[in-house]
N, C-alpha and C. Protein backbone atom coordinates (compact mmCIF):
# COMPACT_ATOMS: atom_id res chain seq x y z
N MET A 1 46.36 -120.72 54.39
CA MET A 1 46.55 -118.78 53.17
C MET A 1 46.85 -117.49 54.22
N GLY A 2 47.87 -117.14 53.60
CA GLY A 2 48.13 -115.86 54.32
C GLY A 2 47.56 -114.53 53.82
N ARG A 3 47.97 -113.49 54.59
CA ARG A 3 47.27 -112.46 54.66
C ARG A 3 48.68 -111.26 53.80
N ALA A 4 48.34 -111.24 52.78
CA ALA A 4 50.25 -110.60 52.02
C ALA A 4 50.28 -108.81 51.92
N VAL A 5 50.99 -108.24 52.31
CA VAL A 5 51.07 -106.73 51.80
C VAL A 5 52.61 -106.49 50.92
N PHE A 6 52.56 -106.20 49.22
CA PHE A 6 53.56 -105.85 48.52
C PHE A 6 54.21 -104.41 48.30
N TYR A 7 55.31 -104.86 48.67
CA TYR A 7 56.43 -103.27 48.40
C TYR A 7 56.92 -103.49 47.08
N VAL A 8 56.72 -102.45 46.26
CA VAL A 8 57.46 -102.36 45.31
C VAL A 8 58.34 -100.91 44.54
N ASP A 9 59.65 -101.94 44.64
CA ASP A 9 60.42 -100.59 44.72
C ASP A 9 60.36 -100.07 42.88
N GLY A 10 59.03 -99.16 42.16
CA GLY A 10 59.45 -98.63 41.44
C GLY A 10 59.74 -98.74 40.42
N MET A 11 61.51 -97.96 40.90
CA MET A 11 62.44 -97.70 39.77
C MET A 11 63.86 -99.29 39.26
N ASN A 12 63.23 -99.92 40.76
CA ASN A 12 64.50 -100.89 40.73
C ASN A 12 63.62 -102.06 39.70
N ALA A 13 62.39 -102.50 39.95
CA ALA A 13 61.43 -102.96 38.61
C ALA A 13 61.18 -102.66 37.53
N TYR A 14 61.59 -101.30 36.91
CA TYR A 14 61.53 -100.81 36.06
C TYR A 14 62.23 -100.83 35.02
N HIS A 15 64.00 -100.79 35.89
CA HIS A 15 64.93 -100.84 34.66
C HIS A 15 64.79 -102.26 34.62
N GLY A 16 64.61 -103.57 35.69
CA GLY A 16 64.84 -104.74 35.58
C GLY A 16 64.05 -105.31 34.05
N PHE A 17 62.64 -105.00 34.32
CA PHE A 17 61.82 -104.96 33.07
C PHE A 17 62.08 -104.48 31.99
N ARG A 18 62.88 -103.31 31.54
CA ARG A 18 63.17 -102.57 30.28
C ARG A 18 64.36 -103.45 30.19
N SER A 19 65.31 -103.90 30.86
CA SER A 19 66.93 -104.54 30.58
C SER A 19 66.47 -105.79 29.86
N LYS A 20 65.55 -106.58 30.38
CA LYS A 20 65.10 -107.89 29.87
C LYS A 20 64.09 -108.12 28.43
N TYR A 21 62.85 -107.17 28.62
CA TYR A 21 62.15 -106.93 28.00
C TYR A 21 61.75 -105.99 27.08
N GLY A 22 62.20 -104.88 27.01
CA GLY A 22 62.25 -103.54 27.01
C GLY A 22 60.89 -102.97 27.23
N ARG A 23 59.93 -102.58 26.20
CA ARG A 23 58.48 -101.68 27.31
C ARG A 23 57.56 -102.57 26.87
N GLU A 24 57.59 -103.85 27.22
CA GLU A 24 56.82 -105.08 26.76
C GLU A 24 55.45 -105.13 27.71
N PHE A 25 55.83 -104.68 29.34
CA PHE A 25 55.67 -105.07 30.62
C PHE A 25 55.45 -104.01 31.51
N LEU A 26 55.46 -102.42 31.02
CA LEU A 26 55.37 -101.90 31.41
C LEU A 26 54.29 -101.43 32.27
N TRP A 27 53.43 -101.53 31.25
CA TRP A 27 51.79 -101.17 31.54
C TRP A 27 51.50 -102.31 32.35
N LEU A 28 51.93 -102.44 33.49
CA LEU A 28 51.35 -103.72 34.35
C LEU A 28 50.85 -103.21 35.34
N ASP A 29 49.98 -104.82 35.92
CA ASP A 29 48.88 -104.42 36.86
C ASP A 29 49.86 -105.12 38.26
N TRP A 30 49.94 -104.06 39.26
CA TRP A 30 50.47 -105.02 40.26
C TRP A 30 49.92 -105.57 40.75
N ALA A 31 48.25 -105.33 40.89
CA ALA A 31 47.22 -105.89 42.01
C ALA A 31 47.28 -107.45 41.03
N ALA A 32 47.28 -107.80 39.81
CA ALA A 32 46.83 -108.62 39.77
C ALA A 32 48.17 -109.54 39.49
N LEU A 33 49.28 -108.63 39.53
CA LEU A 33 50.66 -109.66 39.38
C LEU A 33 51.34 -110.17 41.34
N ALA A 34 50.37 -109.57 41.70
CA ALA A 34 51.13 -109.71 43.23
C ALA A 34 49.90 -110.51 43.36
N GLN A 35 48.83 -111.05 42.99
CA GLN A 35 48.00 -112.03 43.16
C GLN A 35 48.45 -113.72 42.39
N GLN A 36 49.02 -113.27 41.37
CA GLN A 36 49.91 -114.35 40.40
C GLN A 36 51.11 -115.04 41.06
N LEU A 37 52.14 -114.11 42.06
CA LEU A 37 53.15 -114.52 42.58
C LEU A 37 52.45 -115.05 44.05
N ARG A 38 51.48 -115.15 44.27
CA ARG A 38 50.90 -115.19 46.06
C ARG A 38 50.18 -115.98 46.16
N GLN A 39 49.48 -116.49 45.02
CA GLN A 39 48.19 -117.71 44.97
C GLN A 39 48.57 -118.87 46.30
N PRO A 40 47.92 -119.15 47.04
CA PRO A 40 46.30 -118.37 47.14
C PRO A 40 45.90 -117.33 48.47
N ASP A 41 47.73 -116.89 48.54
CA ASP A 41 47.09 -115.48 49.53
C ASP A 41 45.93 -114.31 49.17
N GLU A 42 45.59 -113.80 50.70
CA GLU A 42 44.82 -112.76 50.26
C GLU A 42 45.69 -111.66 49.80
N VAL A 43 45.55 -110.74 49.08
CA VAL A 43 46.43 -109.83 48.85
C VAL A 43 45.64 -108.36 49.27
N LEU A 44 46.61 -108.13 50.54
CA LEU A 44 46.06 -106.63 51.59
C LEU A 44 45.92 -104.89 50.35
N VAL A 45 47.33 -105.22 50.62
CA VAL A 45 47.66 -104.07 49.57
C VAL A 45 48.97 -104.16 48.83
N VAL A 46 49.04 -103.33 47.66
CA VAL A 46 50.51 -103.00 46.96
C VAL A 46 50.83 -101.72 47.68
N ARG A 47 52.15 -101.86 48.37
CA ARG A 47 52.62 -100.34 48.28
C ARG A 47 53.63 -100.28 47.02
N TYR A 48 53.19 -99.11 46.18
CA TYR A 48 54.12 -98.55 45.20
C TYR A 48 54.86 -97.62 45.29
N PHE A 49 56.13 -97.75 45.08
CA PHE A 49 56.90 -96.53 45.76
C PHE A 49 58.07 -95.86 44.56
N THR A 50 57.51 -94.78 43.82
CA THR A 50 58.24 -94.81 42.55
C THR A 50 58.11 -93.09 42.96
N THR A 51 58.97 -92.23 41.57
CA THR A 51 59.13 -91.24 41.57
C THR A 51 59.24 -90.70 40.11
N ILE A 52 58.42 -89.18 39.85
CA ILE A 52 58.16 -88.97 38.68
C ILE A 52 59.50 -88.78 37.63
N VAL A 53 59.64 -89.04 36.73
CA VAL A 53 60.85 -88.66 36.17
C VAL A 53 61.63 -87.27 35.86
N ALA A 54 62.28 -86.29 35.98
CA ALA A 54 62.77 -85.19 35.69
C ALA A 54 63.14 -85.11 34.51
N GLY A 55 63.11 -83.92 33.81
CA GLY A 55 63.57 -83.26 32.91
C GLY A 55 63.61 -84.40 31.12
N GLU A 56 62.19 -84.92 31.50
CA GLU A 56 61.89 -85.73 30.62
C GLU A 56 60.63 -85.41 30.58
N PRO A 57 59.80 -84.70 30.32
CA PRO A 57 58.37 -84.10 29.86
C PRO A 57 57.78 -85.09 29.14
N ASP A 58 57.81 -85.60 28.24
CA ASP A 58 57.43 -87.15 27.71
C ASP A 58 57.20 -88.48 28.12
N ALA A 59 58.42 -88.47 29.17
CA ALA A 59 58.37 -89.94 29.50
C ALA A 59 57.67 -89.63 31.00
N ALA A 60 57.86 -88.48 31.73
CA ALA A 60 56.94 -88.06 32.81
C ALA A 60 55.29 -87.92 32.42
N HIS A 61 54.71 -87.60 31.29
CA HIS A 61 53.85 -87.52 31.24
C HIS A 61 53.04 -89.04 30.97
N ARG A 62 53.91 -90.02 30.23
CA ARG A 62 53.77 -91.58 30.56
C ARG A 62 53.71 -92.32 31.30
N GLN A 63 54.84 -91.47 32.37
CA GLN A 63 54.17 -92.43 34.19
C GLN A 63 53.65 -91.65 34.82
N GLU A 64 52.86 -90.72 34.38
CA GLU A 64 51.70 -89.90 35.15
C GLU A 64 50.10 -90.49 34.53
N THR A 65 50.56 -91.15 33.46
CA THR A 65 49.21 -91.69 32.73
C THR A 65 49.06 -93.22 33.09
N TYR A 66 50.51 -93.99 33.14
CA TYR A 66 50.10 -94.85 33.85
C TYR A 66 49.88 -94.58 35.26
N LEU A 67 50.15 -94.44 36.35
CA LEU A 67 49.63 -94.36 37.63
C LEU A 67 48.05 -94.06 37.60
N ALA A 68 47.81 -93.16 37.16
CA ALA A 68 46.12 -92.80 36.99
C ALA A 68 45.57 -93.74 36.58
N ALA A 69 45.71 -94.71 35.44
CA ALA A 69 45.22 -96.28 34.98
C ALA A 69 45.69 -97.10 35.86
N LEU A 70 47.07 -97.23 36.93
CA LEU A 70 46.94 -98.29 37.64
C LEU A 70 45.72 -97.90 38.69
N THR A 71 45.77 -96.62 39.27
CA THR A 71 45.05 -97.04 40.45
C THR A 71 43.61 -96.52 40.60
N ALA A 72 43.46 -95.88 39.40
CA ALA A 72 41.66 -96.21 38.97
C ALA A 72 41.28 -97.91 38.18
N HIS A 73 42.13 -98.44 37.88
CA HIS A 73 41.65 -99.52 37.94
C HIS A 73 42.09 -100.69 39.02
N ARG A 74 42.34 -100.01 40.14
CA ARG A 74 43.06 -100.82 40.97
C ARG A 74 43.30 -100.83 42.68
N PRO A 75 42.02 -100.23 42.98
CA PRO A 75 42.55 -99.10 44.59
C PRO A 75 43.07 -99.75 45.37
N GLU A 76 43.34 -100.91 45.28
CA GLU A 76 44.13 -101.35 46.41
C GLU A 76 45.68 -101.24 46.08
N VAL A 77 45.90 -100.78 45.22
CA VAL A 77 47.62 -100.08 45.23
C VAL A 77 47.46 -98.95 45.63
N GLN A 78 48.59 -98.83 46.42
CA GLN A 78 48.71 -96.95 46.99
C GLN A 78 50.30 -96.25 46.28
N VAL A 79 50.26 -95.72 45.64
CA VAL A 79 51.55 -95.21 45.32
C VAL A 79 51.72 -94.13 46.13
N VAL A 80 52.80 -94.54 46.25
CA VAL A 80 53.99 -93.79 47.55
C VAL A 80 54.72 -93.06 46.30
N ARG A 81 54.68 -91.15 46.33
CA ARG A 81 55.65 -90.79 45.91
C ARG A 81 57.18 -90.37 46.31
N GLY A 82 58.12 -90.56 45.86
CA GLY A 82 59.49 -89.63 46.01
C GLY A 82 59.42 -88.17 45.32
N ARG A 83 61.43 -88.14 45.29
CA ARG A 83 60.87 -87.01 44.42
C ARG A 83 62.92 -86.84 44.09
N TYR A 84 62.85 -86.34 42.52
CA TYR A 84 64.32 -86.32 42.13
C TYR A 84 64.98 -84.92 42.55
N LYS A 85 66.44 -85.54 42.99
CA LYS A 85 66.83 -84.07 43.18
C LYS A 85 68.09 -83.57 42.41
N LYS A 86 68.23 -82.40 41.77
CA LYS A 86 69.02 -82.70 40.62
C LYS A 86 70.71 -82.25 41.61
N LYS A 87 71.38 -82.75 40.58
CA LYS A 87 72.97 -82.75 41.24
C LYS A 87 73.82 -82.41 39.85
N VAL A 88 75.16 -81.81 39.91
CA VAL A 88 75.69 -81.13 39.19
C VAL A 88 76.72 -82.14 39.00
N ASN A 89 76.93 -82.52 37.86
CA ASN A 89 78.75 -83.21 37.80
C ASN A 89 79.03 -82.17 37.29
N LYS A 90 80.83 -81.83 38.12
CA LYS A 90 81.81 -80.99 37.71
C LYS A 90 82.88 -81.43 37.13
N LEU A 91 82.98 -82.20 37.00
CA LEU A 91 83.75 -83.23 36.90
C LEU A 91 84.53 -83.00 35.62
N ARG A 92 83.31 -82.54 34.60
CA ARG A 92 84.19 -82.21 33.33
C ARG A 92 82.59 -81.32 32.13
N CYS A 93 84.00 -80.61 31.38
CA CYS A 93 82.44 -79.47 30.91
C CYS A 93 81.93 -80.67 29.97
N ARG A 94 80.20 -79.86 29.61
CA ARG A 94 79.57 -80.68 28.69
C ARG A 94 79.88 -80.12 27.18
N VAL A 95 80.92 -79.36 26.96
CA VAL A 95 81.33 -78.61 25.68
C VAL A 95 82.23 -79.30 24.70
N CYS A 96 83.53 -79.26 26.03
CA CYS A 96 84.90 -79.91 25.55
C CYS A 96 85.43 -80.94 26.67
N ALA A 97 84.57 -81.36 27.49
CA ALA A 97 85.01 -83.09 28.18
C ALA A 97 85.67 -82.63 28.91
N GLU A 98 86.83 -81.54 28.84
CA GLU A 98 87.68 -81.06 29.71
C GLU A 98 87.19 -81.77 31.43
N ARG A 99 88.18 -81.28 32.47
CA ARG A 99 87.98 -81.37 33.69
C ARG A 99 87.67 -79.85 34.14
N TRP A 100 86.91 -79.51 34.71
CA TRP A 100 85.89 -78.07 35.06
C TRP A 100 86.44 -77.14 35.16
N THR A 101 88.09 -77.34 35.23
CA THR A 101 88.66 -75.86 35.10
C THR A 101 89.18 -75.60 33.23
N CYS A 102 88.47 -75.80 32.57
CA CYS A 102 88.48 -76.08 31.37
C CYS A 102 88.50 -74.18 30.98
N ALA A 103 88.50 -74.10 29.63
CA ALA A 103 88.54 -72.54 29.16
C ALA A 103 87.34 -71.93 28.06
N CYS A 104 86.21 -72.87 28.45
CA CYS A 104 84.60 -72.41 27.94
C CYS A 104 84.37 -71.57 28.81
N THR A 105 83.87 -70.84 28.08
CA THR A 105 83.29 -69.47 28.56
C THR A 105 81.96 -69.28 28.58
N PRO A 106 80.40 -69.38 29.41
CA PRO A 106 81.00 -70.35 30.82
C PRO A 106 81.28 -71.47 30.60
N PRO A 107 82.17 -72.15 31.54
CA PRO A 107 82.04 -73.69 31.42
C PRO A 107 80.58 -74.33 31.96
N THR A 108 80.65 -75.36 31.02
CA THR A 108 78.84 -76.23 31.66
C THR A 108 79.44 -77.57 31.90
N TYR A 109 78.53 -77.77 32.41
CA TYR A 109 78.26 -79.23 33.17
C TYR A 109 77.16 -80.14 33.52
N HIS A 110 77.24 -81.42 33.50
CA HIS A 110 76.46 -82.48 33.41
C HIS A 110 75.47 -82.15 34.22
N ARG A 111 74.36 -81.90 33.83
CA ARG A 111 73.21 -82.54 35.36
C ARG A 111 72.40 -83.59 35.13
N THR A 112 72.69 -83.81 36.35
CA THR A 112 71.91 -85.53 36.60
C THR A 112 71.33 -85.59 37.76
N TYR A 113 70.20 -86.41 38.02
CA TYR A 113 68.96 -86.47 39.08
C TYR A 113 69.42 -88.00 40.03
N GLU A 114 68.64 -87.38 41.09
CA GLU A 114 68.99 -88.77 42.12
C GLU A 114 67.50 -88.58 43.09
N GLU A 115 67.57 -89.71 42.82
CA GLU A 115 65.92 -90.41 43.37
C GLU A 115 65.73 -90.08 44.87
N LYS A 116 65.36 -89.76 45.56
CA LYS A 116 64.86 -89.60 46.72
C LYS A 116 64.06 -89.93 47.55
N LEU A 117 64.14 -90.27 48.97
CA LEU A 117 62.75 -90.84 49.47
C LEU A 117 61.96 -92.23 49.18
N THR A 118 62.16 -92.81 48.04
CA THR A 118 61.65 -93.61 48.05
C THR A 118 62.10 -95.17 48.97
N ASP A 119 63.16 -95.08 49.14
CA ASP A 119 63.58 -95.92 49.40
C ASP A 119 63.42 -96.54 50.94
N VAL A 120 63.59 -95.22 51.71
CA VAL A 120 62.92 -94.58 53.31
C VAL A 120 61.46 -94.81 53.35
N ALA A 121 61.17 -94.31 52.57
CA ALA A 121 59.54 -94.70 52.60
C ALA A 121 58.89 -96.25 52.61
N LEU A 122 59.39 -96.98 51.66
CA LEU A 122 59.67 -98.12 51.36
C LEU A 122 59.85 -99.01 52.84
N ALA A 123 60.99 -98.42 53.81
CA ALA A 123 61.80 -99.39 54.92
C ALA A 123 60.61 -98.92 55.66
N VAL A 124 60.42 -97.67 55.92
CA VAL A 124 59.43 -97.28 57.12
C VAL A 124 58.21 -98.05 56.71
N ALA A 125 57.40 -98.30 56.02
CA ALA A 125 56.37 -98.85 55.78
C ALA A 125 56.17 -100.26 55.57
N MET A 126 57.04 -100.67 55.55
CA MET A 126 57.96 -102.29 55.83
C MET A 126 57.56 -102.41 57.39
N VAL A 127 58.45 -101.62 57.64
CA VAL A 127 58.78 -101.74 59.50
C VAL A 127 57.42 -101.62 60.39
N ARG A 128 57.08 -100.98 59.58
CA ARG A 128 55.55 -100.07 60.45
C ARG A 128 54.29 -101.41 60.28
N ASP A 129 54.22 -101.84 59.34
CA ASP A 129 53.11 -103.04 58.94
C ASP A 129 53.81 -103.83 59.77
N ALA A 130 55.24 -104.60 59.98
CA ALA A 130 55.40 -105.54 60.96
C ALA A 130 54.87 -105.31 62.63
N ALA A 131 55.28 -104.08 62.98
CA ALA A 131 55.30 -103.84 63.98
C ALA A 131 53.47 -103.79 64.50
N GLU A 132 52.62 -103.18 63.50
CA GLU A 132 51.53 -103.31 63.15
C GLU A 132 50.59 -104.56 63.45
N ARG A 133 51.65 -105.62 63.06
CA ARG A 133 51.01 -106.83 62.94
C ARG A 133 49.92 -106.68 61.43
N TYR A 134 50.01 -105.81 60.19
CA TYR A 134 49.28 -105.25 59.74
C TYR A 134 50.03 -106.33 57.94
N GLY A 135 48.90 -107.93 58.03
CA GLY A 135 49.06 -109.20 57.44
C GLY A 135 50.31 -109.57 57.89
N ASP A 136 50.67 -110.73 57.40
CA ASP A 136 51.58 -111.88 57.73
C ASP A 136 52.61 -112.31 56.89
N VAL A 137 52.51 -111.76 55.63
CA VAL A 137 52.99 -112.42 54.19
C VAL A 137 53.94 -110.71 53.97
N SER A 138 54.90 -110.48 53.90
CA SER A 138 55.61 -109.21 52.99
C SER A 138 56.19 -109.66 51.99
N VAL A 139 56.32 -109.22 51.14
CA VAL A 139 56.48 -109.13 49.71
C VAL A 139 57.24 -108.37 49.19
N VAL A 140 58.75 -108.11 49.33
CA VAL A 140 59.62 -106.94 48.79
C VAL A 140 59.78 -107.15 47.05
N VAL A 141 59.35 -106.32 46.05
CA VAL A 141 59.39 -106.41 45.04
C VAL A 141 61.02 -105.39 44.55
N SER A 142 62.14 -105.78 44.69
CA SER A 142 63.42 -105.10 44.38
C SER A 142 64.59 -106.29 45.06
N THR A 143 65.56 -105.33 44.59
CA THR A 143 67.12 -106.13 44.69
C THR A 143 67.74 -105.38 45.06
N ASP A 144 67.14 -103.87 45.61
CA ASP A 144 68.56 -103.20 46.21
C ASP A 144 68.76 -103.52 47.48
N SER A 145 69.84 -103.65 48.02
CA SER A 145 70.51 -104.02 48.78
C SER A 145 70.36 -102.86 50.12
N ASP A 146 69.69 -101.91 49.93
CA ASP A 146 69.34 -100.69 50.58
C ASP A 146 68.23 -101.24 51.42
N MET A 147 67.45 -102.52 51.12
CA MET A 147 66.04 -103.07 51.89
C MET A 147 66.81 -103.76 52.67
N ASN A 148 68.15 -104.41 52.89
CA ASN A 148 68.27 -105.09 53.58
C ASN A 148 68.27 -105.17 55.19
N PRO A 149 68.22 -103.74 55.98
CA PRO A 149 67.98 -103.43 57.28
C PRO A 149 66.69 -103.64 57.31
N ALA A 150 65.62 -103.13 56.48
CA ALA A 150 64.53 -103.18 56.53
C ALA A 150 63.83 -104.74 56.99
N ILE A 151 64.26 -105.31 55.80
CA ILE A 151 63.94 -106.97 56.03
C ILE A 151 64.59 -107.76 57.58
N GLU A 152 65.58 -107.16 57.79
CA GLU A 152 66.53 -107.82 59.53
C GLU A 152 65.20 -107.30 60.36
N ALA A 153 64.87 -105.50 60.70
CA ALA A 153 63.48 -105.50 61.50
C ALA A 153 62.46 -105.74 61.23
N THR A 154 61.94 -106.11 59.98
CA THR A 154 60.90 -106.59 59.65
C THR A 154 60.82 -108.21 60.95
N ALA A 155 62.09 -109.08 60.43
CA ALA A 155 62.65 -110.40 61.00
C ALA A 155 62.42 -110.40 62.37
N ALA A 156 62.92 -109.44 63.20
CA ALA A 156 63.12 -108.92 65.03
C ALA A 156 61.97 -108.83 65.38
N LEU A 157 61.01 -107.49 64.54
CA LEU A 157 59.80 -107.06 64.91
C LEU A 157 58.57 -108.40 64.77
N ALA A 158 58.68 -108.99 63.97
CA ALA A 158 57.32 -110.19 63.68
C ALA A 158 58.15 -111.75 63.44
N PRO A 159 58.75 -112.16 64.08
CA PRO A 159 59.36 -113.51 63.81
C PRO A 159 58.82 -114.53 62.67
N ASP A 160 57.28 -114.24 63.41
CA ASP A 160 56.41 -114.95 62.75
C ASP A 160 56.31 -115.10 61.27
N ARG A 161 56.50 -113.75 61.05
CA ARG A 161 56.13 -112.92 59.42
C ARG A 161 57.27 -113.51 58.20
N THR A 162 56.55 -113.98 57.21
CA THR A 162 57.63 -114.53 55.82
C THR A 162 57.61 -113.17 55.68
N VAL A 163 59.11 -113.38 54.89
CA VAL A 163 59.96 -112.04 54.15
C VAL A 163 59.86 -112.57 53.04
N TYR A 164 59.33 -112.71 51.56
CA TYR A 164 59.92 -112.84 50.45
C TYR A 164 60.41 -111.65 49.56
N LEU A 165 61.00 -111.98 49.08
CA LEU A 165 62.16 -110.97 48.00
C LEU A 165 61.68 -111.31 46.23
N ALA A 166 60.64 -110.55 45.86
CA ALA A 166 60.63 -110.95 44.27
C ALA A 166 61.50 -110.26 43.50
N CYS A 167 62.55 -110.82 42.70
CA CYS A 167 63.21 -110.08 42.16
C CYS A 167 62.62 -110.10 40.71
N PRO A 168 62.98 -108.69 40.45
CA PRO A 168 62.67 -108.38 38.36
C PRO A 168 63.64 -109.29 38.14
N PRO A 169 62.63 -109.83 36.39
CA PRO A 169 63.86 -110.41 36.09
C PRO A 169 65.12 -109.74 35.43
N GLY A 170 66.12 -110.46 35.43
CA GLY A 170 67.49 -110.30 35.14
C GLY A 170 68.43 -109.41 36.14
N ARG A 171 67.59 -109.70 37.82
CA ARG A 171 68.31 -108.85 38.93
C ARG A 171 68.04 -109.84 40.06
N GLN A 172 68.21 -111.15 39.77
CA GLN A 172 68.38 -111.81 40.82
C GLN A 172 69.63 -111.72 41.84
N PRO A 173 69.40 -111.02 43.42
CA PRO A 173 71.12 -111.12 43.82
C PRO A 173 71.60 -112.21 44.11
N GLU A 174 72.81 -112.70 44.78
CA GLU A 174 73.52 -113.61 44.66
C GLU A 174 72.80 -113.62 46.56
N LYS A 175 72.68 -114.92 46.53
CA LYS A 175 72.13 -115.43 48.25
C LYS A 175 73.11 -114.85 49.77
N LYS A 176 74.42 -115.05 49.01
CA LYS A 176 75.08 -114.49 50.49
C LYS A 176 75.13 -112.87 50.47
N HIS A 177 74.15 -112.34 49.36
CA HIS A 177 74.19 -110.32 50.02
C HIS A 177 72.94 -110.25 50.51
N LEU A 178 72.35 -111.53 51.01
CA LEU A 178 70.63 -111.51 51.60
C LEU A 178 70.70 -111.75 52.79
N PRO A 179 69.84 -111.09 53.74
CA PRO A 179 69.55 -111.59 54.80
C PRO A 179 69.08 -113.17 54.63
N THR A 180 68.97 -113.69 56.28
CA THR A 180 68.77 -115.25 56.13
C THR A 180 67.29 -115.35 56.61
N SER A 181 66.41 -114.34 56.44
CA SER A 181 65.27 -114.16 56.93
C SER A 181 64.28 -113.77 55.39
N VAL A 182 65.12 -113.78 54.60
CA VAL A 182 64.32 -113.58 53.59
C VAL A 182 64.59 -115.11 52.58
N THR A 183 63.15 -114.83 51.74
CA THR A 183 63.36 -116.22 50.64
C THR A 183 62.91 -115.79 49.77
N PRO A 184 64.19 -115.34 48.43
CA PRO A 184 63.97 -114.92 47.07
C PRO A 184 63.60 -115.75 45.92
N PHE A 185 62.84 -115.06 45.20
CA PHE A 185 62.19 -116.06 43.64
C PHE A 185 62.35 -114.60 42.72
N LEU A 186 62.45 -115.47 41.23
CA LEU A 186 62.22 -114.75 39.99
C LEU A 186 61.10 -114.44 39.74
N ILE A 187 60.40 -113.11 39.12
CA ILE A 187 59.45 -113.31 38.74
C ILE A 187 59.39 -113.58 37.26
N ARG A 188 58.19 -114.69 37.10
CA ARG A 188 58.63 -115.60 35.48
C ARG A 188 58.32 -114.13 34.61
N ARG A 189 58.20 -114.56 33.06
CA ARG A 189 57.98 -114.02 32.36
C ARG A 189 56.20 -114.44 31.78
N ASP A 190 55.99 -115.32 32.23
CA ASP A 190 54.68 -115.68 32.01
C ASP A 190 53.52 -115.14 33.39
N GLN A 191 54.20 -114.35 34.02
CA GLN A 191 53.42 -113.83 35.38
C GLN A 191 53.24 -112.65 34.68
N LEU A 192 54.46 -111.87 33.97
CA LEU A 192 53.71 -110.26 33.57
C LEU A 192 53.34 -110.61 32.67
N ALA A 193 53.03 -111.42 31.98
CA ALA A 193 52.52 -111.11 30.53
C ALA A 193 50.56 -111.40 30.86
N ALA A 194 50.54 -112.50 32.44
CA ALA A 194 49.08 -112.34 32.53
C ALA A 194 48.70 -111.06 33.62
N SER A 195 49.61 -110.45 33.74
CA SER A 195 49.23 -109.20 34.56
C SER A 195 49.14 -107.79 33.48
N LEU A 196 48.57 -107.89 32.76
CA LEU A 196 48.80 -106.40 31.83
C LEU A 196 47.63 -105.37 32.19
N LEU A 197 47.71 -104.12 32.60
CA LEU A 197 46.32 -103.36 32.25
C LEU A 197 45.43 -103.80 31.32
N PRO A 198 44.07 -103.31 31.04
CA PRO A 198 43.58 -103.18 29.55
C PRO A 198 44.28 -102.21 29.12
N ASP A 199 44.27 -102.05 27.46
CA ASP A 199 45.00 -101.15 26.68
C ASP A 199 44.11 -99.59 27.07
N VAL A 200 42.71 -99.38 27.50
CA VAL A 200 42.55 -98.27 27.99
C VAL A 200 41.58 -98.45 28.97
N VAL A 201 41.95 -97.61 29.95
CA VAL A 201 40.90 -97.80 31.31
C VAL A 201 40.83 -96.84 31.78
N CYS A 202 39.23 -96.82 32.17
CA CYS A 202 38.40 -95.87 32.16
C CYS A 202 37.93 -95.47 33.60
N GLY A 203 37.93 -93.90 34.29
CA GLY A 203 38.36 -93.90 35.65
C GLY A 203 36.63 -93.08 35.84
N ALA A 204 36.73 -93.52 37.65
CA ALA A 204 35.23 -93.14 38.25
C ALA A 204 34.16 -91.96 37.38
N GLN A 205 35.36 -90.81 37.04
CA GLN A 205 34.55 -90.04 36.04
C GLN A 205 34.69 -89.71 35.04
N GLY A 206 34.95 -90.42 34.17
CA GLY A 206 34.94 -91.00 33.18
C GLY A 206 35.90 -91.10 32.22
N GLN A 207 37.36 -90.56 33.01
CA GLN A 207 38.50 -90.10 32.55
C GLN A 207 38.80 -91.61 31.13
N ARG A 208 39.85 -91.60 30.44
CA ARG A 208 39.97 -92.26 29.84
C ARG A 208 42.03 -92.52 29.84
N TYR A 209 42.44 -93.27 30.22
CA TYR A 209 43.92 -93.37 30.17
C TYR A 209 44.01 -94.87 29.30
N ALA A 210 44.99 -94.12 28.14
CA ALA A 210 45.63 -95.27 27.29
C ALA A 210 46.89 -95.36 27.17
N ARG A 211 47.18 -96.60 27.17
CA ARG A 211 48.31 -97.22 27.03
C ARG A 211 48.95 -96.06 25.84
N PRO A 212 50.33 -96.01 26.50
CA PRO A 212 51.18 -95.25 25.50
C PRO A 212 51.81 -96.16 24.16
N ALA A 213 51.65 -95.03 23.39
CA ALA A 213 51.92 -96.08 22.05
C ALA A 213 53.58 -96.91 22.39
N LYS A 214 54.11 -95.73 22.81
CA LYS A 214 55.79 -96.29 23.16
C LYS A 214 55.93 -97.21 24.01
N TRP A 215 54.72 -97.90 24.55
CA TRP A 215 55.03 -98.87 25.51
C TRP A 215 54.39 -100.22 25.12
N ARG A 216 53.52 -100.35 23.41
CA ARG A 216 53.25 -100.97 23.23
C ARG A 216 53.86 -102.21 22.68
């Protein structure tokens, strides 16, 4: 039996679940899923890296409700937050769709948001745990190739540490793009179905966090 540490790329997992199953598994108990994935290992901690969505208040509220429910129900889940940086796309005007030199007064531009810090935070945590010999199994939930340098550094620092890549549904990468030190596997639907939070989670101070109607 090993001692497993999980590193979850929240946005990568979210988009994988949404593309395959819609909103069915967004109200997910990550600690329960971790135990499903690594029986009979001891799961020491689940480090969940995410960013609250920007520019969509209703979606942000659902996300905050979920994170509050998850951490209230599972203290072993550690949420690490990044942030979104606003970007302005000056290639085309939002009014006439012409190039930014259009005659609209004033020209308006597409505003988009770029997630910042989460990938770096995940990579740093993974390498730090390997250097400090915290646990002996690393499980990365992501198919983002930006994780490859951290996986390779982990293998160099702790050659006896097993590293797994748990791929969200529909996002299994080609093996030729993966470091040789990692073992990939696909998260199955039955594992997700067995790992949902209760519809209503109660906090330590009597708070009640209900699964959003849109996520049912």
